[in-house]
Amino acid sequence: QVQLVESGGGSEQAGGSLRLSCTASGYKYSTSIYGRSCMGWLRQAPGKEREGVAVIDIDATTTYADSVKGRFTISQENAANTLYLQMNSLKPEDTAVYYCAAGYFSSRCTVGSLTRAHLRGRGTQVTVSS
């Protein structure tokens, strides 16, 4: 059974930093008959739709939402099957529940396609105050 477990959320002031982690158990990060592996981060703010924030494809290509480019960095540690999201220069509009997501796609994934990933963690709250 695949499990994605997020940690590292919390409260921070604008301009500060937080680092999210996601530990994936039972998920094979590879290219298989199911498609290309892709992992990433989604977020959902109150009253808003869930949106893709950052993804990392099986070939290590990273893609970011325009709203976080230059501030957030996604990375992974394959040996530990762990995904990270380093968030710097936080803004109040970054306040949301952040979800780790993973799946298999027929082509290189995007922040948009990650919203259709069939594997998701329970989320971790990030609150940024002004």
N, C-alpha and C. Protein backbone atom coordinates (compact mmCIF):
# COMPACT_ATOMS: atom_id res chain seq x y z
N GLN A 1 0.84 -1.19 0.00
CA GLN A 1 0.00 0.00 0.00
C GLN A 1 0.88 1.24 0.00
N VAL A 2 0.57 2.17 -0.90
CA VAL A 2 1.35 3.40 -1.02
C VAL A 2 0.89 4.42 0.01
N GLN A 3 1.86 5.03 0.66
CA GLN A 3 1.56 6.10 1.62
C GLN A 3 2.48 7.28 1.38
N LEU A 4 1.90 8.46 1.38
CA LEU A 4 2.66 9.70 1.30
C LEU A 4 2.38 10.48 2.58
N VAL A 5 3.43 10.83 3.31
CA VAL A 5 3.25 11.50 4.59
C VAL A 5 4.06 12.79 4.59
N GLU A 6 3.35 13.91 4.74
CA GLU A 6 4.00 15.21 4.75
C GLU A 6 4.37 15.63 6.17
N SER A 7 5.38 16.48 6.27
CA SER A 7 5.75 17.08 7.55
C SER A 7 6.45 18.41 7.26
N GLY A 8 6.57 19.22 8.30
CA GLY A 8 7.32 20.46 8.16
C GLY A 8 6.50 21.73 8.04
N GLY A 9 5.20 21.59 8.00
CA GLY A 9 4.37 22.79 7.93
C GLY A 9 4.41 23.57 9.24
N GLY A 10 3.77 24.73 9.24
CA GLY A 10 3.73 25.54 10.44
C GLY A 10 3.41 26.98 10.11
N SER A 11 3.72 27.84 11.06
CA SER A 11 3.45 29.27 10.90
C SER A 11 4.76 30.02 10.76
N GLU A 12 4.74 31.00 9.89
CA GLU A 12 5.94 31.79 9.63
C GLU A 12 5.51 33.19 9.24
N GLN A 13 6.39 34.14 9.48
CA GLN A 13 6.11 35.52 9.06
C GLN A 13 6.51 35.70 7.60
N ALA A 14 5.91 36.68 6.98
CA ALA A 14 6.26 36.99 5.59
C ALA A 14 7.76 37.26 5.48
N GLY A 15 8.35 36.69 4.43
CA GLY A 15 9.78 36.82 4.24
C GLY A 15 10.57 35.67 4.82
N GLY A 16 9.92 34.86 5.63
CA GLY A 16 10.60 33.72 6.25
C GLY A 16 10.65 32.50 5.36
N SER A 17 11.13 31.40 5.93
CA SER A 17 11.31 30.16 5.17
C SER A 17 10.74 28.97 5.93
N LEU A 18 10.30 28.00 5.18
CA LEU A 18 9.88 26.71 5.72
C LEU A 18 10.32 25.62 4.76
N ARG A 19 10.54 24.43 5.29
CA ARG A 19 10.90 23.30 4.46
C ARG A 19 9.93 22.17 4.72
N LEU A 20 9.25 21.73 3.68
CA LEU A 20 8.32 20.61 3.77
C LEU A 20 9.02 19.33 3.32
N SER A 21 8.64 18.24 3.94
CA SER A 21 9.16 16.92 3.56
C SER A 21 8.00 15.98 3.30
N CYS A 22 8.24 15.03 2.42
CA CYS A 22 7.25 14.01 2.12
C CYS A 22 7.96 12.68 2.02
N THR A 23 7.56 11.75 2.85
CA THR A 23 8.13 10.41 2.81
C THR A 23 7.15 9.50 2.09
N ALA A 24 7.64 8.85 1.05
CA ALA A 24 6.80 7.98 0.24
C ALA A 24 7.17 6.53 0.51
N SER A 25 6.20 5.74 0.93
CA SER A 25 6.44 4.31 1.13
C SER A 25 5.57 3.54 0.16
N GLY A 26 6.16 2.53 -0.44
CA GLY A 26 5.40 1.69 -1.35
C GLY A 26 5.27 2.25 -2.75
N TYR A 27 5.87 3.40 -3.01
CA TYR A 27 5.78 4.02 -4.33
C TYR A 27 7.08 3.80 -5.08
N LYS A 28 6.99 3.28 -6.29
CA LYS A 28 8.17 3.03 -7.11
C LYS A 28 8.40 4.20 -8.04
N TYR A 29 9.49 4.88 -7.80
CA TYR A 29 9.83 6.05 -8.61
C TYR A 29 10.62 5.57 -9.82
N SER A 30 9.90 5.31 -10.91
CA SER A 30 10.56 4.74 -12.08
C SER A 30 9.66 4.93 -13.30
N THR A 31 10.17 4.49 -14.43
CA THR A 31 9.36 4.44 -15.63
C THR A 31 8.94 3.00 -15.84
N SER A 32 7.69 2.76 -15.97
CA SER A 32 7.19 1.40 -16.07
C SER A 32 6.04 1.35 -17.06
N ILE A 33 5.36 0.24 -17.07
CA ILE A 33 4.20 0.10 -17.96
C ILE A 33 3.10 1.08 -17.55
N TYR A 34 3.21 1.59 -16.34
CA TYR A 34 2.19 2.54 -15.86
C TYR A 34 2.48 3.96 -16.34
N GLY A 35 3.70 4.20 -16.84
CA GLY A 35 4.05 5.53 -17.30
C GLY A 35 5.27 6.08 -16.60
N ARG A 36 5.47 7.39 -16.72
CA ARG A 36 6.61 8.08 -16.11
C ARG A 36 6.23 8.53 -14.70
N SER A 37 7.10 8.24 -13.75
CA SER A 37 6.86 8.69 -12.38
C SER A 37 6.98 10.20 -12.29
N CYS A 38 6.16 10.76 -11.45
CA CYS A 38 6.23 12.19 -11.18
C CYS A 38 5.77 12.41 -9.76
N MET A 39 6.50 13.25 -9.06
CA MET A 39 6.10 13.62 -7.71
C MET A 39 6.11 15.13 -7.60
N GLY A 40 5.35 15.64 -6.67
CA GLY A 40 5.34 17.08 -6.52
C GLY A 40 4.48 17.53 -5.37
N TRP A 41 4.23 18.81 -5.36
CA TRP A 41 3.46 19.44 -4.29
C TRP A 41 2.27 20.21 -4.86
N LEU A 42 1.14 20.01 -4.18
CA LEU A 42 -0.08 20.76 -4.47
C LEU A 42 -0.37 21.64 -3.26
N ARG A 43 -1.23 22.61 -3.42
CA ARG A 43 -1.71 23.38 -2.27
C ARG A 43 -3.13 23.81 -2.51
N GLN A 44 -3.83 24.00 -1.41
CA GLN A 44 -5.21 24.48 -1.48
C GLN A 44 -5.45 25.49 -0.39
N ALA A 45 -5.74 26.70 -0.81
CA ALA A 45 -6.05 27.78 0.12
C ALA A 45 -7.56 27.79 0.38
N PRO A 46 -7.98 28.34 1.51
CA PRO A 46 -9.41 28.38 1.81
C PRO A 46 -10.22 29.04 0.70
N GLY A 47 -11.26 28.38 0.26
CA GLY A 47 -12.13 28.93 -0.76
C GLY A 47 -11.58 28.88 -2.17
N LYS A 48 -10.42 28.25 -2.35
CA LYS A 48 -9.80 28.18 -3.67
C LYS A 48 -9.63 26.73 -4.11
N GLU A 49 -9.45 26.55 -5.39
CA GLU A 49 -9.21 25.22 -5.93
C GLU A 49 -7.78 24.77 -5.63
N ARG A 50 -7.62 23.46 -5.58
CA ARG A 50 -6.29 22.91 -5.40
C ARG A 50 -5.44 23.23 -6.63
N GLU A 51 -4.19 23.62 -6.41
CA GLU A 51 -3.32 23.97 -7.53
C GLU A 51 -1.95 23.31 -7.38
N GLY A 52 -1.32 23.06 -8.51
CA GLY A 52 0.02 22.51 -8.51
C GLY A 52 1.03 23.60 -8.17
N VAL A 53 2.01 23.26 -7.37
CA VAL A 53 3.02 24.22 -6.94
C VAL A 53 4.36 23.91 -7.61
N ALA A 54 4.79 22.65 -7.52
CA ALA A 54 6.09 22.26 -8.07
C ALA A 54 6.09 20.77 -8.33
N VAL A 55 6.75 20.36 -9.39
CA VAL A 55 6.85 18.94 -9.72
C VAL A 55 8.29 18.60 -10.10
N ILE A 56 8.62 17.33 -9.91
CA ILE A 56 9.91 16.81 -10.37
C ILE A 56 9.63 15.51 -11.09
N ASP A 57 10.07 15.47 -12.33
CA ASP A 57 9.78 14.32 -13.18
C ASP A 57 10.86 13.25 -13.00
N ILE A 58 10.64 12.09 -13.59
CA ILE A 58 11.57 10.98 -13.45
C ILE A 58 12.96 11.33 -13.96
N ASP A 59 13.05 12.25 -14.92
CA ASP A 59 14.37 12.65 -15.43
C ASP A 59 14.93 13.86 -14.69
N ALA A 60 14.34 14.16 -13.53
CA ALA A 60 14.78 15.24 -12.64
C ALA A 60 14.44 16.63 -13.15
N THR A 61 13.63 16.71 -14.18
CA THR A 61 13.16 18.02 -14.63
C THR A 61 12.21 18.59 -13.59
N THR A 62 12.42 19.84 -13.22
CA THR A 62 11.54 20.49 -12.25
C THR A 62 10.75 21.59 -12.93
N THR A 63 9.53 21.75 -12.48
CA THR A 63 8.64 22.79 -13.01
C THR A 63 7.92 23.43 -11.84
N TYR A 64 7.72 24.75 -11.94
CA TYR A 64 7.09 25.49 -10.85
C TYR A 64 5.92 26.33 -11.36
N ALA A 65 4.97 26.55 -10.47
CA ALA A 65 3.92 27.51 -10.75
C ALA A 65 4.55 28.89 -10.81
N ASP A 66 4.02 29.76 -11.65
CA ASP A 66 4.58 31.11 -11.80
C ASP A 66 4.63 31.84 -10.46
N SER A 67 3.65 31.58 -9.60
CA SER A 67 3.54 32.30 -8.34
C SER A 67 4.66 31.97 -7.35
N VAL A 68 5.38 30.87 -7.58
CA VAL A 68 6.42 30.48 -6.63
C VAL A 68 7.81 30.42 -7.25
N LYS A 69 7.91 30.66 -8.54
CA LYS A 69 9.21 30.61 -9.22
C LYS A 69 10.20 31.57 -8.57
N GLY A 70 11.41 31.05 -8.35
CA GLY A 70 12.45 31.87 -7.75
C GLY A 70 12.40 31.89 -6.23
N ARG A 71 11.32 31.36 -5.65
CA ARG A 71 11.19 31.35 -4.19
C ARG A 71 11.17 29.93 -3.62
N PHE A 72 10.56 29.01 -4.35
CA PHE A 72 10.42 27.63 -3.88
C PHE A 72 11.37 26.73 -4.68
N THR A 73 11.88 25.69 -4.02
CA THR A 73 12.73 24.71 -4.68
C THR A 73 12.29 23.30 -4.30
N ILE A 74 12.02 22.49 -5.31
CA ILE A 74 11.66 21.10 -5.07
C ILE A 74 12.89 20.24 -5.27
N SER A 75 13.04 19.23 -4.42
CA SER A 75 14.16 18.31 -4.55
C SER A 75 13.75 16.96 -3.99
N GLN A 76 14.57 15.97 -4.24
CA GLN A 76 14.25 14.64 -3.73
C GLN A 76 15.52 13.90 -3.35
N GLU A 77 15.33 12.96 -2.45
CA GLU A 77 16.41 12.08 -2.02
C GLU A 77 15.92 10.67 -2.31
N ASN A 78 16.34 10.14 -3.45
CA ASN A 78 15.78 8.87 -3.90
C ASN A 78 16.04 7.72 -2.93
N ALA A 79 17.23 7.71 -2.35
CA ALA A 79 17.56 6.60 -1.45
C ALA A 79 16.58 6.53 -0.28
N ALA A 80 16.15 7.68 0.14
CA ALA A 80 15.22 7.73 1.28
C ALA A 80 13.78 7.86 0.81
N ASN A 81 13.59 7.87 -0.52
CA ASN A 81 12.25 8.06 -1.07
C ASN A 81 11.56 9.26 -0.44
N THR A 82 12.29 10.36 -0.37
CA THR A 82 11.77 11.56 0.29
C THR A 82 11.79 12.73 -0.67
N LEU A 83 10.75 13.49 -0.62
CA LEU A 83 10.58 14.68 -1.45
C LEU A 83 10.58 15.90 -0.53
N TYR A 84 11.20 17.00 -1.01
CA TYR A 84 11.27 18.22 -0.22
C TYR A 84 10.72 19.40 -1.00
N LEU A 85 10.28 20.40 -0.25
CA LEU A 85 9.91 21.68 -0.83
C LEU A 85 10.48 22.76 0.07
N GLN A 86 11.53 23.42 -0.40
CA GLN A 86 12.11 24.54 0.33
C GLN A 86 11.38 25.81 -0.09
N MET A 87 10.79 26.46 0.87
CA MET A 87 10.00 27.65 0.59
C MET A 87 10.66 28.86 1.23
N ASN A 88 11.14 29.77 0.42
CA ASN A 88 11.79 30.99 0.89
C ASN A 88 10.95 32.21 0.51
N SER A 89 11.27 33.32 1.14
CA SER A 89 10.56 34.58 0.85
C SER A 89 9.05 34.37 0.87
N LEU A 90 8.58 33.74 1.91
CA LEU A 90 7.15 33.40 2.01
C LEU A 90 6.28 34.65 2.01
N LYS A 91 5.11 34.50 1.40
CA LYS A 91 4.13 35.59 1.33
C LYS A 91 2.83 35.12 1.98
N PRO A 92 2.01 36.04 2.47
CA PRO A 92 0.72 35.62 3.05
C PRO A 92 -0.11 34.80 2.08
N GLU A 93 -0.01 35.07 0.79
CA GLU A 93 -0.79 34.32 -0.20
C GLU A 93 -0.28 32.89 -0.38
N ASP A 94 0.82 32.53 0.27
CA ASP A 94 1.28 31.13 0.25
C ASP A 94 0.55 30.29 1.30
N THR A 95 -0.25 30.95 2.13
CA THR A 95 -1.00 30.23 3.16
C THR A 95 -1.95 29.23 2.51
N ALA A 96 -1.81 27.97 2.90
CA ALA A 96 -2.62 26.90 2.31
C ALA A 96 -2.28 25.58 3.00
N VAL A 97 -3.07 24.57 2.70
CA VAL A 97 -2.69 23.21 3.05
C VAL A 97 -1.87 22.67 1.88
N TYR A 98 -0.70 22.17 2.16
CA TYR A 98 0.19 21.65 1.13
C TYR A 98 0.15 20.13 1.13
N TYR A 99 -0.01 19.57 -0.06
CA TYR A 99 -0.12 18.13 -0.22
C TYR A 99 1.03 17.61 -1.07
N CYS A 100 1.57 16.49 -0.67
CA CYS A 100 2.50 15.75 -1.50
C CYS A 100 1.66 14.88 -2.44
N ALA A 101 2.06 14.79 -3.68
CA ALA A 101 1.31 14.00 -4.65
C ALA A 101 2.27 13.22 -5.54
N ALA A 102 1.80 12.10 -6.03
CA ALA A 102 2.64 11.26 -6.89
C ALA A 102 1.75 10.49 -7.85
N GLY A 103 2.33 10.11 -8.97
CA GLY A 103 1.57 9.34 -9.93
C GLY A 103 2.42 8.93 -11.11
N TYR A 104 1.75 8.34 -12.08
CA TYR A 104 2.40 7.93 -13.30
C TYR A 104 1.69 8.59 -14.47
N PHE A 105 2.45 9.14 -15.37
CA PHE A 105 1.90 9.90 -16.48
C PHE A 105 2.47 9.41 -17.80
N SER A 106 1.68 9.59 -18.85
CA SER A 106 2.12 9.14 -20.17
C SER A 106 3.20 10.04 -20.76
N SER A 107 3.32 11.26 -20.25
CA SER A 107 4.35 12.19 -20.72
C SER A 107 4.86 12.97 -19.52
N ARG A 108 5.85 13.83 -19.75
CA ARG A 108 6.42 14.60 -18.65
C ARG A 108 5.31 15.39 -17.95
N CYS A 109 5.28 15.32 -16.63
CA CYS A 109 4.18 15.96 -15.91
C CYS A 109 4.43 17.45 -15.75
N THR A 110 3.35 18.13 -15.44
CA THR A 110 3.38 19.57 -15.22
C THR A 110 2.68 19.87 -13.91
N VAL A 111 2.75 21.13 -13.46
CA VAL A 111 2.04 21.47 -12.23
C VAL A 111 0.54 21.30 -12.43
N GLY A 112 0.10 21.45 -13.66
CA GLY A 112 -1.31 21.26 -13.95
C GLY A 112 -1.72 19.80 -13.90
N SER A 113 -0.93 18.94 -14.52
CA SER A 113 -1.28 17.52 -14.56
C SER A 113 -1.13 16.88 -13.19
N LEU A 114 -0.29 17.43 -12.34
CA LEU A 114 -0.12 16.86 -11.00
C LEU A 114 -1.43 16.90 -10.21
N THR A 115 -2.30 17.85 -10.53
CA THR A 115 -3.57 17.91 -9.81
C THR A 115 -4.42 16.67 -10.07
N ARG A 116 -4.07 15.91 -11.09
CA ARG A 116 -4.81 14.68 -11.41
C ARG A 116 -4.08 13.44 -10.88
N ALA A 117 -3.00 13.65 -10.14
CA ALA A 117 -2.27 12.51 -9.57
C ALA A 117 -3.18 11.71 -8.65
N HIS A 118 -3.05 10.39 -8.73
CA HIS A 118 -3.98 9.56 -7.96
C HIS A 118 -3.49 9.26 -6.55
N LEU A 119 -2.28 9.68 -6.23
CA LEU A 119 -1.75 9.45 -4.89
C LEU A 119 -1.50 10.80 -4.22
N ARG A 120 -2.03 10.94 -3.01
CA ARG A 120 -1.89 12.21 -2.31
C ARG A 120 -1.79 11.96 -0.82
N GLY A 121 -0.99 12.80 -0.13
CA GLY A 121 -0.94 12.71 1.32
C GLY A 121 -2.09 13.45 1.95
N ARG A 122 -2.09 13.50 3.27
CA ARG A 122 -3.20 14.15 3.99
C ARG A 122 -3.00 15.65 4.09
N GLY A 123 -1.80 16.11 3.81
CA GLY A 123 -1.56 17.55 3.80
C GLY A 123 -0.96 18.08 5.08
N THR A 124 -0.31 19.23 4.97
CA THR A 124 0.26 19.92 6.11
C THR A 124 -0.02 21.41 5.95
N GLN A 125 -0.44 22.05 7.04
CA GLN A 125 -0.85 23.45 6.98
C GLN A 125 0.37 24.36 7.01
N VAL A 126 0.35 25.33 6.11
CA VAL A 126 1.36 26.40 6.10
C VAL A 126 0.62 27.72 6.24
N THR A 127 0.98 28.49 7.25
CA THR A 127 0.34 29.78 7.50
C THR A 127 1.40 30.86 7.52
N VAL A 128 1.23 31.86 6.68
CA VAL A 128 2.19 32.96 6.58
C VAL A 128 1.49 34.25 6.98
N SER A 129 2.00 34.91 7.99
CA SER A 129 1.40 36.14 8.47
C SER A 129 2.19 37.34 7.97
N SER A 130 1.47 38.45 7.80
CA SER A 130 2.11 39.67 7.27
C SER A 130 2.73 40.47 8.38
